[in-house]
Structures are given as structure tokens and as C-alpha cells.
Amino acid sequence: MIKISEKGVSVTLKISPNASKNEIIKNQGELKVKITAQPIENKANKALIEFLAKQFKVPKTSIEIIRGETSKEKTLLIKVFDSDKIDFVTKVLSDGVNRDDNN
């Protein structure tokens, strides 16, 4: 679920750690992000933020986990305020299947 507010864009998604590659998948209206990092010592959360920051072309500090720090289901806040950047972020999330081919 994607929601735009005065704080930025919030998105609820499921994370799948230990994946073979980093990617965003949209399946039946649900967002899933596969991350290669393991879910230990906050590595998967850090990798999730790094991957999404790269996809959205925003600094890592612009992405915050606001719910689900230790859960596979997370709510993130992407702190973007420019209408073009908001459109870009929502397009990336809506399209799905964005891969990080560097892994």
C-alpha cells in the first residue's frame, strides 16, 4: 500500500531476506522486496534501505522504517517532497520488478 502525506511517501511491503538478488516485485497488489542480506544484526534492514535509496535516487537518510523493524512486513517512510520525486517513487513502486544487477 502506497500513501502520500505531508511527511513523504509511506509504503507497506514484505521483505524477503537471503534472496539470490535484490529486487522489487509487485504481485497481486502486494509489494515484496527481495534482499540478498541475511536477517541478522539488522543487515537486511540496512540492505533494504540502501537498495531502495539507489532505486529511488534519494539519500539513505531519506528512508526510514517506521513499523516492523524486526518483522518481514514493514512500513517505510520515504521523505520526498518534490512532486516529480514523489511521482518517480510511486512509479517505481507501482511498476515493480526493479533489479539491482550489481549483485
PDB file of N, CA and C in Angstrom:
ATOM      1  N   MET A   1       0.826  -1.171   0.000  1.00  0.00           N
ATOM      2  CA  MET A   1       0.000   0.000   0.000  1.00  0.00           C
ATOM      3  C   MET A   1       0.884   1.253   0.000  1.00  0.00           C
ATOM      4  N   ILE A   2       0.589   2.165  -0.871  1.00  0.00           N
ATOM      5  CA  ILE A   2       1.347   3.406  -1.007  1.00  0.00           C
ATOM      6  C   ILE A   2       0.458   4.563  -0.571  1.00  0.00           C
ATOM      7  N   LYS A   3       0.988   5.410   0.303  1.00  0.00           N
ATOM      8  CA  LYS A   3       0.212   6.544   0.795  1.00  0.00           C
ATOM      9  C   LYS A   3       1.093   7.786   0.786  1.00  0.00           C
ATOM     10  N   ILE A   4       0.553   8.873   0.233  1.00  0.00           N
ATOM     11  CA  ILE A   4       1.298  10.130   0.171  1.00  0.00           C
ATOM     12  C   ILE A   4       0.759  11.066   1.249  1.00  0.00           C
ATOM     13  N   SER A   5       1.680  11.655   2.031  1.00  0.00           N
ATOM     14  CA  SER A   5       1.294  12.596   3.077  1.00  0.00           C
ATOM     15  C   SER A   5       2.269  13.763   3.077  1.00  0.00           C
ATOM     16  N   GLU A   6       2.077  14.683   4.013  1.00  0.00           N
ATOM     17  CA  GLU A   6       2.986  15.828   4.104  1.00  0.00           C
ATOM     18  C   GLU A   6       4.380  15.412   4.561  1.00  0.00           C
ATOM     19  N   LYS A   7       4.508  14.218   5.132  1.00  0.00           N
ATOM     20  CA  LYS A   7       5.815  13.723   5.582  1.00  0.00           C
ATOM     21  C   LYS A   7       6.590  13.034   4.467  1.00  0.00           C
ATOM     22  N   GLY A   8       5.900  12.664   3.377  1.00  0.00           N
ATOM     23  CA  GLY A   8       6.527  11.957   2.266  1.00  0.00           C
ATOM     24  C   GLY A   8       5.641  10.832   1.776  1.00  0.00           C
ATOM     25  N   VAL A   9       6.268   9.780   1.281  1.00  0.00           N
ATOM     26  CA  VAL A   9       5.540   8.625   0.763  1.00  0.00           C
ATOM     27  C   VAL A   9       5.742   7.470   1.730  1.00  0.00           C
ATOM     28  N   SER A  10       4.648   6.927   2.252  1.00  0.00           N
ATOM     29  CA  SER A  10       4.772   5.737   3.097  1.00  0.00           C
ATOM     30  C   SER A  10       4.320   4.530   2.282  1.00  0.00           C
ATOM     31  N   VAL A  11       4.999   3.439   2.517  1.00  0.00           N
ATOM     32  CA  VAL A  11       4.714   2.219   1.765  1.00  0.00           C
ATOM     33  C   VAL A  11       4.810   1.022   2.701  1.00  0.00           C
ATOM     34  N   THR A  12       3.851   0.123   2.568  1.00  0.00           N
ATOM     35  CA  THR A  12       3.868  -1.123   3.325  1.00  0.00           C
ATOM     36  C   THR A  12       4.292  -2.223   2.364  1.00  0.00           C
ATOM     37  N   LEU A  13       5.260  -3.015   2.801  1.00  0.00           N
ATOM     38  CA  LEU A  13       5.789  -4.069   1.936  1.00  0.00           C
ATOM     39  C   LEU A  13       6.248  -5.247   2.765  1.00  0.00           C
ATOM     40  N   LYS A  14       6.523  -6.332   2.078  1.00  0.00           N
ATOM     41  CA  LYS A  14       7.104  -7.511   2.719  1.00  0.00           C
ATOM     42  C   LYS A  14       8.531  -7.636   2.233  1.00  0.00           C
ATOM     43  N   ILE A  15       9.410  -7.995   3.137  1.00  0.00           N
ATOM     44  CA  ILE A  15      10.806  -8.179   2.784  1.00  0.00           C
ATOM     45  C   ILE A  15      11.116  -9.675   2.804  1.00  0.00           C
ATOM     46  N   SER A  16      11.921 -10.081   1.842  1.00  0.00           N
ATOM     47  CA  SER A  16      12.353 -11.469   1.769  1.00  0.00           C
ATOM     48  C   SER A  16      13.879 -11.490   1.778  1.00  0.00           C
ATOM     49  N   PRO A  17      14.489 -11.702   2.960  1.00  0.00           N
ATOM     50  CA  PRO A  17      15.952 -11.723   3.049  1.00  0.00           C
ATOM     51  C   PRO A  17      16.531 -13.012   2.473  1.00  0.00           C
ATOM     52  N   ASN A  18      17.844 -13.041   2.334  1.00  0.00           N
ATOM     53  CA  ASN A  18      18.571 -14.214   1.822  1.00  0.00           C
ATOM     54  C   ASN A  18      18.193 -14.555   0.383  1.00  0.00           C
ATOM     55  N   ALA A  19      17.791 -13.572  -0.400  1.00  0.00           N
ATOM     56  CA  ALA A  19      17.411 -13.812  -1.790  1.00  0.00           C
ATOM     57  C   ALA A  19      18.659 -13.905  -2.659  1.00  0.00           C
ATOM     58  N   SER A  20      18.488 -14.396  -3.870  1.00  0.00           N
ATOM     59  CA  SER A  20      19.628 -14.508  -4.784  1.00  0.00           C
ATOM     60  C   SER A  20      20.012 -13.159  -5.379  1.00  0.00           C
ATOM     61  N   LYS A  21      19.052 -12.213  -5.417  1.00  0.00           N
ATOM     62  CA  LYS A  21      19.346 -10.860  -5.901  1.00  0.00           C
ATOM     63  C   LYS A  21      18.359  -9.887  -5.277  1.00  0.00           C
ATOM     64  N   ASN A  22      18.748  -8.613  -5.272  1.00  0.00           N
ATOM     65  CA  ASN A  22      17.865  -7.564  -4.768  1.00  0.00           C
ATOM     66  C   ASN A  22      16.875  -7.186  -5.855  1.00  0.00           C
ATOM     67  N   GLU A  23      15.586  -7.159  -5.510  1.00  0.00           N
ATOM     68  CA  GLU A  23      14.583  -6.747  -6.485  1.00  0.00           C
ATOM     69  C   GLU A  23      13.276  -6.381  -5.806  1.00  0.00           C
ATOM     70  N   ILE A  24      12.501  -5.543  -6.494  1.00  0.00           N
ATOM     71  CA  ILE A  24      11.163  -5.160  -6.059  1.00  0.00           C
ATOM     72  C   ILE A  24      10.179  -5.919  -6.943  1.00  0.00           C
ATOM     73  N   ILE A  25       9.233  -6.600  -6.309  1.00  0.00           N
ATOM     74  CA  ILE A  25       8.250  -7.370  -7.062  1.00  0.00           C
ATOM     75  C   ILE A  25       6.854  -6.935  -6.624  1.00  0.00           C
ATOM     76  N   LYS A  26       6.002  -6.656  -7.585  1.00  0.00           N
ATOM     77  CA  LYS A  26       4.597  -6.363  -7.287  1.00  0.00           C
ATOM     78  C   LYS A  26       3.795  -7.558  -7.752  1.00  0.00           C
ATOM     79  N   ASN A  27       3.060  -8.155  -6.819  1.00  0.00           N
ATOM     80  CA  ASN A  27       2.300  -9.352  -7.122  1.00  0.00           C
ATOM     81  C   ASN A  27       0.910  -9.214  -6.506  1.00  0.00           C
ATOM     82  N   GLN A  28      -0.098  -9.168  -7.328  1.00  0.00           N
ATOM     83  CA  GLN A  28      -1.488  -9.071  -6.880  1.00  0.00           C
ATOM     84  C   GLN A  28      -1.675  -7.914  -5.897  1.00  0.00           C
ATOM     85  N   GLY A  29      -1.119  -6.760  -6.249  1.00  0.00           N
ATOM     86  CA  GLY A  29      -1.281  -5.568  -5.431  1.00  0.00           C
ATOM     87  C   GLY A  29      -0.389  -5.499  -4.204  1.00  0.00           C
ATOM     88  N   GLU A  30       0.400  -6.532  -3.969  1.00  0.00           N
ATOM     89  CA  GLU A  30       1.288  -6.562  -2.802  1.00  0.00           C
ATOM     90  C   GLU A  30       2.725  -6.293  -3.249  1.00  0.00           C
ATOM     91  N   LEU A  31       3.419  -5.484  -2.476  1.00  0.00           N
ATOM     92  CA  LEU A  31       4.822  -5.213  -2.775  1.00  0.00           C
ATOM     93  C   LEU A  31       5.716  -6.127  -1.955  1.00  0.00           C
ATOM     94  N   LYS A  32       6.697  -6.694  -2.631  1.00  0.00           N
ATOM     95  CA  LYS A  32       7.663  -7.552  -1.962  1.00  0.00           C
ATOM     96  C   LYS A  32       9.049  -7.100  -2.413  1.00  0.00           C
ATOM     97  N   VAL A  33       9.958  -6.988  -1.472  1.00  0.00           N
ATOM     98  CA  VAL A  33      11.323  -6.617  -1.811  1.00  0.00           C
ATOM     99  C   VAL A  33      12.224  -7.765  -1.380  1.00  0.00           C
ATOM    100  N   LYS A  34      12.929  -8.317  -2.354  1.00  0.00           N
ATOM    101  CA  LYS A  34      13.891  -9.378  -2.075  1.00  0.00           C
ATOM    102  C   LYS A  34      15.251  -8.725  -1.842  1.00  0.00           C
ATOM    103  N   ILE A  35      15.914  -9.152  -0.782  1.00  0.00           N
ATOM    104  CA  ILE A  35      17.204  -8.605  -0.388  1.00  0.00           C
ATOM    105  C   ILE A  35      18.181  -9.757  -0.170  1.00  0.00           C
ATOM    106  N   THR A  36      19.408  -9.592  -0.639  1.00  0.00           N
ATOM    107  CA  THR A  36      20.397 -10.664  -0.519  1.00  0.00           C
ATOM    108  C   THR A  36      20.945 -10.807   0.901  1.00  0.00           C
ATOM    109  N   ALA A  37      20.845  -9.769   1.702  1.00  0.00           N
ATOM    110  CA  ALA A  37      21.405  -9.794   3.058  1.00  0.00           C
ATOM    111  C   ALA A  37      20.617 -10.736   3.968  1.00  0.00           C
ATOM    112  N   GLN A  38      21.304 -11.222   5.003  1.00  0.00           N
ATOM    113  CA  GLN A  38      20.669 -12.089   5.989  1.00  0.00           C
ATOM    114  C   GLN A  38      19.965 -11.247   7.057  1.00  0.00           C
ATOM    115  N   PRO A  39      18.912 -11.787   7.650  1.00  0.00           N
ATOM    116  CA  PRO A  39      18.166 -11.031   8.652  1.00  0.00           C
ATOM    117  C   PRO A  39      18.790 -11.107  10.050  1.00  0.00           C
ATOM    118  N   ILE A  40      20.081 -10.886  10.130  1.00  0.00           N
ATOM    119  CA  ILE A  40      20.747 -10.887  11.427  1.00  0.00           C
ATOM    120  C   ILE A  40      21.484  -9.565  11.617  1.00  0.00           C
ATOM    121  N   GLU A  41      21.517  -9.106  12.859  1.00  0.00           N
ATOM    122  CA  GLU A  41      22.222  -7.878  13.219  1.00  0.00           C
ATOM    123  C   GLU A  41      21.816  -6.690  12.346  1.00  0.00           C
ATOM    124  N   ASN A  42      20.534  -6.621  11.994  1.00  0.00           N
ATOM    125  CA  ASN A  42      19.982  -5.502  11.227  1.00  0.00           C
ATOM    126  C   ASN A  42      20.539  -5.391   9.796  1.00  0.00           C
ATOM    127  N   LYS A  43      21.227  -6.426   9.318  1.00  0.00           N
ATOM    128  CA  LYS A  43      21.819  -6.375   7.971  1.00  0.00           C
ATOM    129  C   LYS A  43      20.771  -6.260   6.878  1.00  0.00           C
ATOM    130  N   ALA A  44      19.673  -6.991   6.996  1.00  0.00           N
ATOM    131  CA  ALA A  44      18.635  -6.951   5.954  1.00  0.00           C
ATOM    132  C   ALA A  44      17.975  -5.575   5.899  1.00  0.00           C
ATOM    133  N   ASN A  45      17.731  -4.968   7.061  1.00  0.00           N
ATOM    134  CA  ASN A  45      17.129  -3.626   7.075  1.00  0.00           C
ATOM    135  C   ASN A  45      18.061  -2.609   6.426  1.00  0.00           C
ATOM    136  N   LYS A  46      19.338  -2.673   6.745  1.00  0.00           N
ATOM    137  CA  LYS A  46      20.308  -1.750   6.156  1.00  0.00           C
ATOM    138  C   LYS A  46      20.389  -1.953   4.643  1.00  0.00           C
ATOM    139  N   ALA A  47      20.408  -3.212   4.213  1.00  0.00           N
ATOM    140  CA  ALA A  47      20.473  -3.508   2.782  1.00  0.00           C
ATOM    141  C   ALA A  47      19.199  -3.051   2.078  1.00  0.00           C
ATOM    142  N   LEU A  48      18.049  -3.198   2.737  1.00  0.00           N
ATOM    143  CA  LEU A  48      16.778  -2.742   2.183  1.00  0.00           C
ATOM    144  C   LEU A  48      16.819  -1.239   1.934  1.00  0.00           C
ATOM    145  N   ILE A  49      17.275  -0.486   2.923  1.00  0.00           N
ATOM    146  CA  ILE A  49      17.345   0.971   2.795  1.00  0.00           C
ATOM    147  C   ILE A  49      18.333   1.371   1.707  1.00  0.00           C
ATOM    148  N   GLU A  50      19.493   0.715   1.656  1.00  0.00           N
ATOM    149  CA  GLU A  50      20.491   1.016   0.620  1.00  0.00           C
ATOM    150  C   GLU A  50      19.928   0.738  -0.777  1.00  0.00           C
ATOM    151  N   PHE A  51      19.283  -0.404  -0.945  1.00  0.00           N
ATOM    152  CA  PHE A  51      18.733  -0.780  -2.243  1.00  0.00           C
ATOM    153  C   PHE A  51      17.637   0.195  -2.689  1.00  0.00           C
ATOM    154  N   LEU A  52      16.711   0.502  -1.784  1.00  0.00           N
ATOM    155  CA  LEU A  52      15.626   1.407  -2.148  1.00  0.00           C
ATOM    156  C   LEU A  52      16.131   2.825  -2.399  1.00  0.00           C
ATOM    157  N   ALA A  53      17.105   3.272  -1.633  1.00  0.00           N
ATOM    158  CA  ALA A  53      17.677   4.607  -1.855  1.00  0.00           C
ATOM    159  C   ALA A  53      18.277   4.689  -3.258  1.00  0.00           C
ATOM    160  N   LYS A  54      18.928   3.624  -3.672  1.00  0.00           N
ATOM    161  CA  LYS A  54      19.504   3.580  -5.024  1.00  0.00           C
ATOM    162  C   LYS A  54      18.400   3.576  -6.087  1.00  0.00           C
ATOM    163  N   GLN A  55      17.357   2.799  -5.857  1.00  0.00           N
ATOM    164  CA  GLN A  55      16.251   2.720  -6.821  1.00  0.00           C
ATOM    165  C   GLN A  55      15.512   4.057  -6.950  1.00  0.00           C
ATOM    166  N   PHE A  56      15.313   4.726  -5.818  1.00  0.00           N
ATOM    167  CA  PHE A  56      14.552   5.974  -5.806  1.00  0.00           C
ATOM    168  C   PHE A  56      15.424   7.201  -6.048  1.00  0.00           C
ATOM    169  N   LYS A  57      16.742   6.974  -6.091  1.00  0.00           N
ATOM    170  CA  LYS A  57      17.694   8.074  -6.285  1.00  0.00           C
ATOM    171  C   LYS A  57      17.546   9.143  -5.198  1.00  0.00           C
ATOM    172  N   VAL A  58      17.520   8.670  -3.941  1.00  0.00           N
ATOM    173  CA  VAL A  58      17.452   9.551  -2.772  1.00  0.00           C
ATOM    174  C   VAL A  58      18.543   9.134  -1.787  1.00  0.00           C
ATOM    175  N   PRO A  59      18.931  10.025  -0.872  1.00  0.00           N
ATOM    176  CA  PRO A  59      19.906   9.625   0.153  1.00  0.00           C
ATOM    177  C   PRO A  59      19.311   8.559   1.080  1.00  0.00           C
ATOM    178  N   LYS A  60      20.172   7.709   1.630  1.00  0.00           N
ATOM    179  CA  LYS A  60      19.715   6.661   2.548  1.00  0.00           C
ATOM    180  C   LYS A  60      18.988   7.266   3.753  1.00  0.00           C
ATOM    181  N   THR A  61      19.390   8.470   4.155  1.00  0.00           N
ATOM    182  CA  THR A  61      18.761   9.125   5.303  1.00  0.00           C
ATOM    183  C   THR A  61      17.327   9.552   5.018  1.00  0.00           C
ATOM    184  N   SER A  62      16.912   9.504   3.755  1.00  0.00           N
ATOM    185  CA  SER A  62      15.540   9.864   3.382  1.00  0.00           C
ATOM    186  C   SER A  62      14.567   8.698   3.529  1.00  0.00           C
ATOM    187  N   ILE A  63      15.084   7.523   3.897  1.00  0.00           N
ATOM    188  CA  ILE A  63      14.225   6.345   4.049  1.00  0.00           C
ATOM    189  C   ILE A  63      14.301   5.874   5.496  1.00  0.00           C
ATOM    190  N   GLU A  64      13.136   5.719   6.096  1.00  0.00           N
ATOM    191  CA  GLU A  64      13.058   5.338   7.497  1.00  0.00           C
ATOM    192  C   GLU A  64      12.056   4.200   7.662  1.00  0.00           C
ATOM    193  N   ILE A  65      12.418   3.197   8.446  1.00  0.00           N
ATOM    194  CA  ILE A  65      11.482   2.118   8.783  1.00  0.00           C
ATOM    195  C   ILE A  65      10.657   2.626   9.964  1.00  0.00           C
ATOM    196  N   ILE A  66       9.363   2.832   9.733  1.00  0.00           N
ATOM    197  CA  ILE A  66       8.524   3.375  10.807  1.00  0.00           C
ATOM    198  C   ILE A  66       7.702   2.293  11.513  1.00  0.00           C
ATOM    199  N   ARG A  67       7.630   1.115  10.928  1.00  0.00           N
ATOM    200  CA  ARG A  67       6.935  -0.001  11.559  1.00  0.00           C
ATOM    201  C   ARG A  67       7.514  -1.306  11.037  1.00  0.00           C
ATOM    202  N   GLY A  68       7.712  -2.275  11.940  1.00  0.00           N
ATOM    203  CA  GLY A  68       8.159  -3.595  11.520  1.00  0.00           C
ATOM    204  C   GLY A  68       9.659  -3.774  11.472  1.00  0.00           C
ATOM    205  N   GLU A  69      10.376  -3.104  12.345  1.00  0.00           N
ATOM    206  CA  GLU A  69      11.841  -3.177  12.384  1.00  0.00           C
ATOM    207  C   GLU A  69      12.338  -4.637  12.420  1.00  0.00           C
ATOM    208  N   THR A  70      11.648  -5.499  13.174  1.00  0.00           N
ATOM    209  CA  THR A  70      12.076  -6.897  13.298  1.00  0.00           C
ATOM    210  C   THR A  70      11.129  -7.865  12.599  1.00  0.00           C
ATOM    211  N   SER A  71      10.221  -7.339  11.795  1.00  0.00           N
ATOM    212  CA  SER A  71       9.233  -8.164  11.107  1.00  0.00           C
ATOM    213  C   SER A  71       9.531  -8.208   9.610  1.00  0.00           C
ATOM    214  N   LYS A  72       8.970  -9.203   8.938  1.00  0.00           N
ATOM    215  CA  LYS A  72       9.102  -9.246   7.480  1.00  0.00           C
ATOM    216  C   LYS A  72       8.171  -8.239   6.817  1.00  0.00           C
ATOM    217  N   GLU A  73       7.105  -7.875   7.500  1.00  0.00           N
ATOM    218  CA  GLU A  73       6.193  -6.857   6.978  1.00  0.00           C
ATOM    219  C   GLU A  73       6.594  -5.512   7.579  1.00  0.00           C
ATOM    220  N   LYS A  74       6.898  -4.558   6.713  1.00  0.00           N
ATOM    221  CA  LYS A  74       7.426  -3.271   7.152  1.00  0.00           C
ATOM    222  C   LYS A  74       6.636  -2.126   6.540  1.00  0.00           C
ATOM    223  N   THR A  75       6.638  -1.016   7.244  1.00  0.00           N
ATOM    224  CA  THR A  75       6.131   0.235   6.701  1.00  0.00           C
ATOM    225  C   THR A  75       7.303   1.200   6.673  1.00  0.00           C
ATOM    226  N   LEU A  76       7.558   1.744   5.505  1.00  0.00           N
ATOM    227  CA  LEU A  76       8.674   2.668   5.325  1.00  0.00           C
ATOM    228  C   LEU A  76       8.137   4.047   5.007  1.00  0.00           C
ATOM    229  N   LEU A  77       8.913   5.062   5.416  1.00  0.00           N
ATOM    230  CA  LEU A  77       8.619   6.427   5.041  1.00  0.00           C
ATOM    231  C   LEU A  77       9.758   6.909   4.162  1.00  0.00           C
ATOM    232  N   ILE A  78       9.425   7.287   2.936  1.00  0.00           N
ATOM    233  CA  ILE A  78      10.411   7.852   2.015  1.00  0.00           C
ATOM    234  C   ILE A  78      10.178   9.358   2.033  1.00  0.00           C
ATOM    235  N   LYS A  79      11.125  10.077   2.612  1.00  0.00           N
ATOM    236  CA  LYS A  79      10.960  11.521   2.819  1.00  0.00           C
ATOM    237  C   LYS A  79      11.310  12.276   1.545  1.00  0.00           C
ATOM    238  N   VAL A  80      10.324  12.378   0.666  1.00  0.00           N
ATOM    239  CA  VAL A  80      10.450  13.160  -0.569  1.00  0.00           C
ATOM    240  C   VAL A  80       9.280  14.135  -0.607  1.00  0.00           C
ATOM    241  N   PHE A  81       9.568  15.337  -1.079  1.00  0.00           N
ATOM    242  CA  PHE A  81       8.537  16.379  -1.028  1.00  0.00           C
ATOM    243  C   PHE A  81       8.286  17.018  -2.392  1.00  0.00           C
ATOM    244  N   ASP A  82       9.244  16.925  -3.288  1.00  0.00           N
ATOM    245  CA  ASP A  82       9.103  17.463  -4.634  1.00  0.00           C
ATOM    246  C   ASP A  82       8.115  16.587  -5.406  1.00  0.00           C
ATOM    247  N   SER A  83       7.171  17.188  -6.118  1.00  0.00           N
ATOM    248  CA  SER A  83       6.139  16.402  -6.806  1.00  0.00           C
ATOM    249  C   SER A  83       6.724  15.456  -7.852  1.00  0.00           C
ATOM    250  N   ASP A  84       7.796  15.871  -8.537  1.00  0.00           N
ATOM    251  CA  ASP A  84       8.429  14.988  -9.516  1.00  0.00           C
ATOM    252  C   ASP A  84       9.042  13.772  -8.836  1.00  0.00           C
ATOM    253  N   LYS A  85       9.673  13.980  -7.680  1.00  0.00           N
ATOM    254  CA  LYS A  85      10.299  12.871  -6.941  1.00  0.00           C
ATOM    255  C   LYS A  85       9.229  11.943  -6.378  1.00  0.00           C
ATOM    256  N   ILE A  86       8.131  12.514  -5.897  1.00  0.00           N
ATOM    257  CA  ILE A  86       7.021  11.688  -5.400  1.00  0.00           C
ATOM    258  C   ILE A  86       6.474  10.827  -6.536  1.00  0.00           C
ATOM    259  N   ASP A  87       6.283  11.424  -7.706  1.00  0.00           N
ATOM    260  CA  ASP A  87       5.804  10.669  -8.874  1.00  0.00           C
ATOM    261  C   ASP A  87       6.773   9.555  -9.245  1.00  0.00           C
ATOM    262  N   PHE A  88       8.082   9.854  -9.194  1.00  0.00           N
ATOM    263  CA  PHE A  88       9.094   8.855  -9.538  1.00  0.00           C
ATOM    264  C   PHE A  88       9.054   7.687  -8.558  1.00  0.00           C
ATOM    265  N   VAL A  89       9.019   7.981  -7.271  1.00  0.00           N
ATOM    266  CA  VAL A  89       8.991   6.929  -6.237  1.00  0.00           C
ATOM    267  C   VAL A  89       7.741   6.068  -6.394  1.00  0.00           C
ATOM    268  N   THR A  90       6.586   6.699  -6.564  1.00  0.00           N
ATOM    269  CA  THR A  90       5.355   5.914  -6.696  1.00  0.00           C
ATOM    270  C   THR A  90       5.347   5.094  -7.985  1.00  0.00           C
ATOM    271  N   LYS A  91       5.957   5.601  -9.042  1.00  0.00           N
ATOM    272  CA  LYS A  91       6.052   4.841 -10.296  1.00  0.00           C
ATOM    273  C   LYS A  91       6.931   3.610 -10.118  1.00  0.00           C
ATOM    274  N   VAL A  92       8.089   3.780  -9.477  1.00  0.00           N
ATOM    275  CA  VAL A  92       8.988   2.637  -9.231  1.00  0.00           C
ATOM    276  C   VAL A  92       8.264   1.579  -8.408  1.00  0.00           C
ATOM    277  N   LEU A  93       7.552   2.009  -7.368  1.00  0.00           N
ATOM    278  CA  LEU A  93       6.828   1.059  -6.517  1.00  0.00           C
ATOM    279  C   LEU A  93       5.666   0.405  -7.261  1.00  0.00           C
ATOM    280  N   SER A  94       4.970   1.171  -8.079  1.00  0.00           N
ATOM    281  CA  SER A  94       3.816   0.639  -8.802  1.00  0.00           C
ATOM    282  C   SER A  94       4.212  -0.330  -9.908  1.00  0.00           C
ATOM    283  N   ASP A  95       5.348  -0.040 -10.568  1.00  0.00           N
ATOM    284  CA  ASP A  95       5.789  -0.886 -11.677  1.00  0.00           C
ATOM    285  C   ASP A  95       6.310  -2.230 -11.186  1.00  0.00           C
ATOM    286  N   GLY A  96       7.043  -2.234 -10.072  1.00  0.00           N
ATOM    287  CA  GLY A  96       7.626  -3.471  -9.554  1.00  0.00           C
ATOM    288  C   GLY A  96       8.742  -3.988 -10.459  1.00  0.00           C
ATOM    289  N   VAL A  97       9.277  -5.121 -10.118  1.00  0.00           N
ATOM    290  CA  VAL A  97      10.359  -5.807 -10.822  1.00  0.00           C
ATOM    291  C   VAL A  97      11.503  -4.857 -11.196  1.00  0.00           C
ATOM    292  N   ASN A  98      12.092  -4.246 -10.197  1.00  0.00           N
ATOM    293  CA  ASN A  98      13.309  -3.476 -10.357  1.00  0.00           C
ATOM    294  C   ASN A  98      14.417  -4.277  -9.718  1.00  0.00           C
ATOM    295  N   ARG A  99      15.441  -4.519 -10.487  1.00  0.00           N
ATOM    296  CA  ARG A  99      16.518  -5.377 -10.012  1.00  0.00           C
ATOM    297  C   ARG A  99      17.798  -4.577  -9.829  1.00  0.00           C
ATOM    298  N   ASP A 100      18.573  -5.019  -8.866  1.00  0.00           N
ATOM    299  CA  ASP A 100      19.905  -4.480  -8.658  1.00  0.00           C
ATOM    300  C   ASP A 100      20.857  -5.505  -9.264  1.00  0.00           C
ATOM    301  N   ASP A 101      21.269  -5.254 -10.477  1.00  0.00           N
ATOM    302  CA  ASP A 101      22.074  -6.243 -11.203  1.00  0.00           C
ATOM    303  C   ASP A 101      23.540  -6.251 -10.780  1.00  0.00           C
ATOM    304  N   ASN A 102      23.880  -5.460  -9.771  1.00  0.00           N
ATOM    305  CA  ASN A 102      25.256  -5.452  -9.284  1.00  0.00           C
ATOM    306  C   ASN A 102      25.540  -6.610  -8.353  1.00  0.00           C
ATOM    307  N   ASN A 103      24.508  -7.341  -7.948  1.00  0.00           N
ATOM    308  CA  ASN A 103      24.710  -8.478  -7.033  1.00  0.00           C
ATOM    309  C   ASN A 103      24.713  -9.779  -7.776  1.00  0.00           C
TER     310      ASN A 103
END
